[in-house]
PDB file of N, CA and C in Angstrom:
ATOM      1  N   MET A   1     -15.225  20.619 -29.979  1.00  0.00           N
ATOM      2  CA  MET A   1     -15.078  19.814 -28.416  1.00  0.00           C
ATOM      3  C   MET A   1     -15.760  19.247 -27.854  1.00  0.00           C
ATOM      4  N   SER A   2     -15.253  18.573 -27.021  1.00  0.00           N
ATOM      5  CA  SER A   2     -15.256  17.279 -26.387  1.00  0.00           C
ATOM      6  C   SER A   2     -16.556  17.533 -25.119  1.00  0.00           C
ATOM      7  N   THR A   3     -17.475  16.932 -25.096  1.00  0.00           N
ATOM      8  CA  THR A   3     -18.668  17.866 -24.253  1.00  0.00           C
ATOM      9  C   THR A   3     -17.693  16.947 -22.583  1.00  0.00           C
ATOM     10  N   PRO A   4     -18.182  17.144 -21.296  1.00  0.00           N
ATOM     11  CA  PRO A   4     -18.106  16.440 -20.600  1.00  0.00           C
ATOM     12  C   PRO A   4     -17.798  15.203 -19.969  1.00  0.00           C
ATOM     13  N   THR A   5     -19.534  15.056 -19.997  1.00  0.00           N
ATOM     14  CA  THR A   5     -20.105  13.188 -20.118  1.00  0.00           C
ATOM     15  C   THR A   5     -18.812  12.278 -20.996  1.00  0.00           C
ATOM     16  N   ARG A   6     -18.480  12.916 -22.237  1.00  0.00           N
ATOM     17  CA  ARG A   6     -16.916  12.064 -22.731  1.00  0.00           C
ATOM     18  C   ARG A   6     -16.045  12.056 -22.142  1.00  0.00           C
ATOM     19  N   ALA A   7     -15.288  12.823 -21.163  1.00  0.00           N
ATOM     20  CA  ALA A   7     -14.095  13.312 -20.809  1.00  0.00           C
ATOM     21  C   ALA A   7     -13.336  11.561 -19.587  1.00  0.00           C
ATOM     22  N   PRO A   8     -14.321  11.388 -18.753  1.00  0.00           N
ATOM     23  CA  PRO A   8     -14.584   9.957 -18.360  1.00  0.00           C
ATOM     24  C   PRO A   8     -14.086   8.837 -18.722  1.00  0.00           C
ATOM     25  N   GLU A   9     -15.044   8.547 -20.239  1.00  0.00           N
ATOM     26  CA  GLU A   9     -14.402   7.493 -21.447  1.00  0.00           C
ATOM     27  C   GLU A   9     -12.698   7.619 -21.677  1.00  0.00           C
ATOM     28  N   ARG A  10     -12.052   8.605 -21.803  1.00  0.00           N
ATOM     29  CA  ARG A  10     -11.081   9.088 -22.764  1.00  0.00           C
ATOM     30  C   ARG A  10      -9.655   9.517 -21.884  1.00  0.00           C
ATOM     31  N   ILE A  11     -10.306   9.796 -20.501  1.00  0.00           N
ATOM     32  CA  ILE A  11      -9.756   9.054 -19.226  1.00  0.00           C
ATOM     33  C   ILE A  11      -8.618   7.879 -19.031  1.00  0.00           C
ATOM     34  N   ALA A  12     -10.339   6.960 -19.019  1.00  0.00           N
ATOM     35  CA  ALA A  12      -9.676   5.393 -18.812  1.00  0.00           C
ATOM     36  C   ALA A  12      -8.964   5.040 -20.126  1.00  0.00           C
ATOM     37  N   ARG A  13      -9.568   5.552 -21.267  1.00  0.00           N
ATOM     38  CA  ARG A  13      -8.418   4.580 -22.016  1.00  0.00           C
ATOM     39  C   ARG A  13      -6.806   5.311 -22.623  1.00  0.00           C
ATOM     40  N   ALA A  14      -6.977   6.494 -21.586  1.00  0.00           N
ATOM     41  CA  ALA A  14      -5.875   6.747 -21.380  1.00  0.00           C
ATOM     42  C   ALA A  14      -4.851   5.789 -20.317  1.00  0.00           C
ATOM     43  N   ALA A  15      -5.380   5.811 -19.036  1.00  0.00           N
ATOM     44  CA  ALA A  15      -4.963   4.690 -18.197  1.00  0.00           C
ATOM     45  C   ALA A  15      -4.965   3.975 -18.872  1.00  0.00           C
ATOM     46  N   LEU A  16      -6.193   2.844 -19.322  1.00  0.00           N
ATOM     47  CA  LEU A  16      -5.881   1.752 -20.076  1.00  0.00           C
ATOM     48  C   LEU A  16      -4.208   1.214 -20.875  1.00  0.00           C
ATOM     49  N   ALA A  17      -4.325   2.802 -22.003  1.00  0.00           N
ATOM     50  CA  ALA A  17      -3.079   2.822 -22.680  1.00  0.00           C
ATOM     51  C   ALA A  17      -1.599   3.024 -21.857  1.00  0.00           C
ATOM     52  N   ALA A  18      -1.436   3.485 -20.941  1.00  0.00           N
ATOM     53  CA  ALA A  18      -0.536   2.965 -19.956  1.00  0.00           C
ATOM     54  C   ALA A  18      -0.814   2.542 -19.025  1.00  0.00           C
ATOM     55  N   PHE A  19      -0.873   1.518 -18.548  1.00  0.00           N
ATOM     56  CA  PHE A  19      -0.943   0.053 -18.253  1.00  0.00           C
ATOM     57  C   PHE A  19      -0.924  -0.970 -18.813  1.00  0.00           C
ATOM     58  N   HIS A  20      -1.573  -1.125 -19.676  1.00  0.00           N
ATOM     59  CA  HIS A  20      -1.857  -2.151 -20.595  1.00  0.00           C
ATOM     60  C   HIS A  20      -0.718  -2.293 -21.819  1.00  0.00           C
ATOM     61  N   ALA A  21      -0.515  -3.071 -21.885  1.00  0.00           N
ATOM     62  CA  ALA A  21      -0.210  -3.253 -23.607  1.00  0.00           C
ATOM     63  C   ALA A  21      -1.659  -3.195 -24.401  1.00  0.00           C
ATOM     64  N   PRO A  22      -0.963  -3.106 -25.948  1.00  0.00           N
ATOM     65  CA  PRO A  22      -2.459  -3.326 -27.012  1.00  0.00           C
ATOM     66  C   PRO A  22      -3.292  -4.429 -26.901  1.00  0.00           C
ATOM     67  N   THR A  23      -1.845  -5.511 -26.501  1.00  0.00           N
ATOM     68  CA  THR A  23      -1.792  -7.249 -26.773  1.00  0.00           C
ATOM     69  C   THR A  23      -2.558  -7.327 -26.079  1.00  0.00           C
ATOM     70  N   GLU A  24      -2.303  -6.643 -24.187  1.00  0.00           N
ATOM     71  CA  GLU A  24      -3.067  -7.537 -23.010  1.00  0.00           C
ATOM     72  C   GLU A  24      -4.764  -6.807 -23.722  1.00  0.00           C
ATOM     73  N   LEU A  25      -5.343  -6.118 -23.872  1.00  0.00           N
ATOM     74  CA  LEU A  25      -6.845  -5.583 -23.962  1.00  0.00           C
ATOM     75  C   LEU A  25      -7.102  -5.901 -25.771  1.00  0.00           C
ATOM     76  N   THR A  26      -8.732  -6.498 -25.364  1.00  0.00           N
ATOM     77  CA  THR A  26      -9.382  -6.603 -27.062  1.00  0.00           C
ATOM     78  C   THR A  26      -9.867  -5.554 -27.429  1.00  0.00           C
ATOM     79  N   ALA A  27     -10.251  -5.319 -28.341  1.00  0.00           N
ATOM     80  CA  ALA A  27     -11.979  -4.729 -28.896  1.00  0.00           C
ATOM     81  C   ALA A  27     -12.723  -5.128 -28.304  1.00  0.00           C
ATOM     82  N   ALA A  28     -13.433  -6.231 -28.330  1.00  0.00           N
ATOM     83  CA  ALA A  28     -14.248  -7.006 -27.781  1.00  0.00           C
ATOM     84  C   ALA A  28     -14.679  -6.221 -26.839  1.00  0.00           C
ATOM     85  N   ASP A  29     -13.122  -6.480 -25.619  1.00  0.00           N
ATOM     86  CA  ASP A  29     -13.115  -6.055 -24.454  1.00  0.00           C
ATOM     87  C   ASP A  29     -13.950  -4.861 -23.737  1.00  0.00           C
ATOM     88  N   LEU A  30     -13.418  -3.553 -24.838  1.00  0.00           N
ATOM     89  CA  LEU A  30     -13.967  -2.385 -24.585  1.00  0.00           C
ATOM     90  C   LEU A  30     -14.735  -2.265 -25.602  1.00  0.00           C
ATOM     91  N   ALA A  31     -15.692  -2.731 -26.099  1.00  0.00           N
ATOM     92  CA  ALA A  31     -17.112  -3.067 -26.769  1.00  0.00           C
ATOM     93  C   ALA A  31     -17.703  -3.599 -26.168  1.00  0.00           C
ATOM     94  N   GLU A  32     -17.523  -4.808 -24.728  1.00  0.00           N
ATOM     95  CA  GLU A  32     -18.450  -4.872 -24.332  1.00  0.00           C
ATOM     96  C   GLU A  32     -18.950  -3.947 -22.802  1.00  0.00           C
ATOM     97  N   TYR A  33     -17.958  -4.471 -22.505  1.00  0.00           N
ATOM     98  CA  TYR A  33     -17.685  -3.219 -21.171  1.00  0.00           C
ATOM     99  C   TYR A  33     -17.338  -1.479 -21.128  1.00  0.00           C
ATOM    100  N   GLY A  34     -16.949  -1.693 -22.352  1.00  0.00           N
ATOM    101  CA  GLY A  34     -16.926   0.099 -22.321  1.00  0.00           C
ATOM    102  C   GLY A  34     -14.726   0.598 -21.178  1.00  0.00           C
ATOM    103  N   ALA A  35     -15.042   1.728 -21.329  1.00  0.00           N
ATOM    104  CA  ALA A  35     -13.444   1.857 -20.931  1.00  0.00           C
ATOM    105  C   ALA A  35     -13.546   2.106 -19.379  1.00  0.00           C
ATOM    106  N   VAL A  36     -14.349   2.422 -18.969  1.00  0.00           N
ATOM    107  CA  VAL A  36     -14.441   2.969 -17.032  1.00  0.00           C
ATOM    108  C   VAL A  36     -14.598   2.048 -16.834  1.00  0.00           C
ATOM    109  N   ASP A  37     -16.089   1.140 -17.697  1.00  0.00           N
ATOM    110  CA  ASP A  37     -16.467  -0.004 -16.752  1.00  0.00           C
ATOM    111  C   ASP A  37     -14.687  -1.807 -16.804  1.00  0.00           C
ATOM    112  N   LEU A  38     -14.223  -1.445 -17.841  1.00  0.00           N
ATOM    113  CA  LEU A  38     -13.184  -1.867 -17.943  1.00  0.00           C
ATOM    114  C   LEU A  38     -11.591  -1.605 -16.910  1.00  0.00           C
ATOM    115  N   TRP A  39     -11.775  -0.815 -16.594  1.00  0.00           N
ATOM    116  CA  TRP A  39     -10.510   0.311 -15.615  1.00  0.00           C
ATOM    117  C   TRP A  39     -11.050  -0.901 -14.399  1.00  0.00           C
ATOM    118  N   ASP A  40     -12.575  -0.504 -14.401  1.00  0.00           N
ATOM    119  CA  ASP A  40     -12.773  -0.953 -12.941  1.00  0.00           C
ATOM    120  C   ASP A  40     -12.530  -2.154 -12.685  1.00  0.00           C
ATOM    121  N   ARG A  41     -12.864  -3.217 -13.629  1.00  0.00           N
ATOM    122  CA  ARG A  41     -12.739  -4.953 -13.280  1.00  0.00           C
ATOM    123  C   ARG A  41     -11.660  -4.842 -13.525  1.00  0.00           C
ATOM    124  N   LEU A  42     -10.495  -4.498 -14.137  1.00  0.00           N
ATOM    125  CA  LEU A  42      -8.957  -4.639 -14.251  1.00  0.00           C
ATOM    126  C   LEU A  42      -8.413  -4.167 -13.331  1.00  0.00           C
ATOM    127  N   SER A  43      -8.759  -2.692 -11.933  1.00  0.00           N
ATOM    128  CA  SER A  43      -7.956  -2.641 -11.089  1.00  0.00           C
ATOM    129  C   SER A  43      -8.804  -3.069  -9.971  1.00  0.00           C
ATOM    130  N   ARG A  44      -9.570  -3.754  -9.748  1.00  0.00           N
ATOM    131  CA  ARG A  44     -10.626  -5.205  -8.925  1.00  0.00           C
ATOM    132  C   ARG A  44      -9.823  -6.145  -8.404  1.00  0.00           C
ATOM    133  N   THR A  45      -9.538  -6.479  -9.645  1.00  0.00           N
ATOM    134  CA  THR A  45      -8.339  -7.831 -10.168  1.00  0.00           C
ATOM    135  C   THR A  45      -7.004  -7.527 -10.068  1.00  0.00           C
ATOM    136  N   ASP A  46      -6.190  -6.665 -10.214  1.00  0.00           N
ATOM    137  CA  ASP A  46      -5.156  -6.286 -10.337  1.00  0.00           C
ATOM    138  C   ASP A  46      -4.904  -6.409  -8.750  1.00  0.00           C
ATOM    139  N   THR A  47      -3.553  -7.264  -8.692  1.00  0.00           N
ATOM    140  CA  THR A  47      -2.666  -8.185  -7.610  1.00  0.00           C
ATOM    141  C   THR A  47      -1.517  -7.455  -7.022  1.00  0.00           C
ATOM    142  N   THR A  48      -1.522  -6.842  -7.761  1.00  0.00           N
ATOM    143  CA  THR A  48      -0.142  -5.771  -8.094  1.00  0.00           C
ATOM    144  C   THR A  48      -0.119  -4.914  -6.952  1.00  0.00           C
ATOM    145  N   GLY A  49      -1.371  -4.619  -7.174  1.00  0.00           N
ATOM    146  CA  GLY A  49      -1.565  -3.069  -6.380  1.00  0.00           C
ATOM    147  C   GLY A  49      -1.313  -1.416  -7.051  1.00  0.00           C
ATOM    148  N   ARG A  50      -0.839  -1.917  -8.251  1.00  0.00           N
ATOM    149  CA  ARG A  50      -0.498  -0.311  -9.717  1.00  0.00           C
ATOM    150  C   ARG A  50      -1.307   0.697  -9.775  1.00  0.00           C
ATOM    151  N   LEU A  51      -2.394  -0.452 -10.138  1.00  0.00           N
ATOM    152  CA  LEU A  51      -3.858   0.506 -10.364  1.00  0.00           C
ATOM    153  C   LEU A  51      -4.232   0.866  -9.070  1.00  0.00           C
ATOM    154  N   ALA A  52      -4.111   0.767  -8.013  1.00  0.00           N
ATOM    155  CA  ALA A  52      -5.016   1.081  -6.824  1.00  0.00           C
ATOM    156  C   ALA A  52      -4.777   2.097  -6.289  1.00  0.00           C
ATOM    157  N   ARG A  53      -4.072   3.526  -7.088  1.00  0.00           N
ATOM    158  CA  ARG A  53      -3.958   5.005  -7.009  1.00  0.00           C
ATOM    159  C   ARG A  53      -4.260   5.481  -7.737  1.00  0.00           C
ATOM    160  N   TYR A  54      -4.537   5.358  -9.137  1.00  0.00           N
ATOM    161  CA  TYR A  54      -5.410   6.115 -10.098  1.00  0.00           C
ATOM    162  C   TYR A  54      -6.908   5.533 -10.402  1.00  0.00           C
ATOM    163  N   ASP A  55      -8.020   6.553 -10.663  1.00  0.00           N
ATOM    164  CA  ASP A  55      -9.034   6.945 -10.695  1.00  0.00           C
ATOM    165  C   ASP A  55     -10.003   6.597 -12.427  1.00  0.00           C
ATOM    166  N   ALA A  56      -9.858   5.736 -13.072  1.00  0.00           N
ATOM    167  CA  ALA A  56      -9.873   6.180 -14.302  1.00  0.00           C
ATOM    168  C   ALA A  56     -11.449   6.973 -14.754  1.00  0.00           C
ATOM    169  N   ARG A  57     -11.744   7.825 -13.429  1.00  0.00           N
ATOM    170  CA  ARG A  57     -13.016   8.879 -13.599  1.00  0.00           C
ATOM    171  C   ARG A  57     -12.569   9.980 -13.760  1.00  0.00           C
ATOM    172  N   GLY A  58     -11.034  10.198 -13.723  1.00  0.00           N
ATOM    173  CA  GLY A  58     -10.596  11.592 -13.884  1.00  0.00           C
ATOM    174  C   GLY A  58      -9.716  11.746 -12.427  1.00  0.00           C
ATOM    175  N   ARG A  59     -10.703  11.320 -11.153  1.00  0.00           N
ATOM    176  CA  ARG A  59     -10.525  11.475 -10.000  1.00  0.00           C
ATOM    177  C   ARG A  59      -9.214  11.029  -9.515  1.00  0.00           C
ATOM    178  N   ARG A  60      -8.459  11.782  -8.981  1.00  0.00           N
ATOM    179  CA  ARG A  60      -6.736  11.235  -8.261  1.00  0.00           C
ATOM    180  C   ARG A  60      -7.003  11.308  -6.868  1.00  0.00           C
ATOM    181  N   LEU A  61      -7.231   9.268  -5.748  1.00  0.00           N
ATOM    182  CA  LEU A  61      -7.272   8.762  -5.171  1.00  0.00           C
ATOM    183  C   LEU A  61      -6.284   9.486  -4.496  1.00  0.00           C
ATOM    184  N   SER A  62      -6.505  10.424  -3.284  1.00  0.00           N
ATOM    185  CA  SER A  62      -5.752  10.690  -1.879  1.00  0.00           C
ATOM    186  C   SER A  62      -5.205   9.212  -1.333  1.00  0.00           C
ATOM    187  N   ALA A  63      -4.511   9.398  -0.785  1.00  0.00           N
ATOM    188  CA  ALA A  63      -3.142   7.931   0.278  1.00  0.00           C
ATOM    189  C   ALA A  63      -4.674   7.183   1.307  1.00  0.00           C
ATOM    190  N   SER A  64      -5.128   8.028   2.090  1.00  0.00           N
ATOM    191  CA  SER A  64      -6.302   8.222   2.995  1.00  0.00           C
ATOM    192  C   SER A  64      -7.900   7.256   1.788  1.00  0.00           C
ATOM    193  N   SER A  65      -7.593   7.544   1.206  1.00  0.00           N
ATOM    194  CA  SER A  65      -9.315   6.528  -0.141  1.00  0.00           C
ATOM    195  C   SER A  65      -9.126   5.542  -0.558  1.00  0.00           C
ATOM    196  N   ARG A  66      -7.550   5.146  -1.003  1.00  0.00           N
ATOM    197  CA  ARG A  66      -7.246   3.534  -1.385  1.00  0.00           C
ATOM    198  C   ARG A  66      -7.278   2.380  -0.187  1.00  0.00           C
ATOM    199  N   THR A  67      -7.699   1.521  -0.713  1.00  0.00           N
ATOM    200  CA  THR A  67      -7.732   0.606  -0.617  1.00  0.00           C
ATOM    201  C   THR A  67      -7.016  -0.592  -0.918  1.00  0.00           C
ATOM    202  N   THR A  68      -6.905  -1.418  -0.038  1.00  0.00           N
ATOM    203  CA  THR A  68      -5.946  -2.734  -0.577  1.00  0.00           C
ATOM    204  C   THR A  68      -6.857  -4.300  -0.777  1.00  0.00           C
ATOM    205  N   SER A  69      -6.535  -4.764  -0.595  1.00  0.00           N
ATOM    206  CA  SER A  69      -7.543  -6.288  -0.601  1.00  0.00           C
ATOM    207  C   SER A  69      -6.267  -7.101  -0.264  1.00  0.00           C
ATOM    208  N   ALA A  70      -6.684  -7.914   0.766  1.00  0.00           N
ATOM    209  CA  ALA A  70      -5.459  -8.908   1.628  1.00  0.00           C
ATOM    210  C   ALA A  70      -5.352  -9.998   1.072  1.00  0.00           C
TER     211      ALA A  70
END
């Protein structure tokens, strides 16, 4: 049984897998940043906006809490 502190890591890995092909992510990236930080980096630089509605820490963002860059 996993501990609650591992849940954000598992959720972030699942989100990364859902939105990125294995060839887009490297083991070195995951080792350097960790899944949660890597998700944060990728979602901040996502110009399509498709990642904006997800939070890799396990919380679903409401429409009012979403922000987009201009």
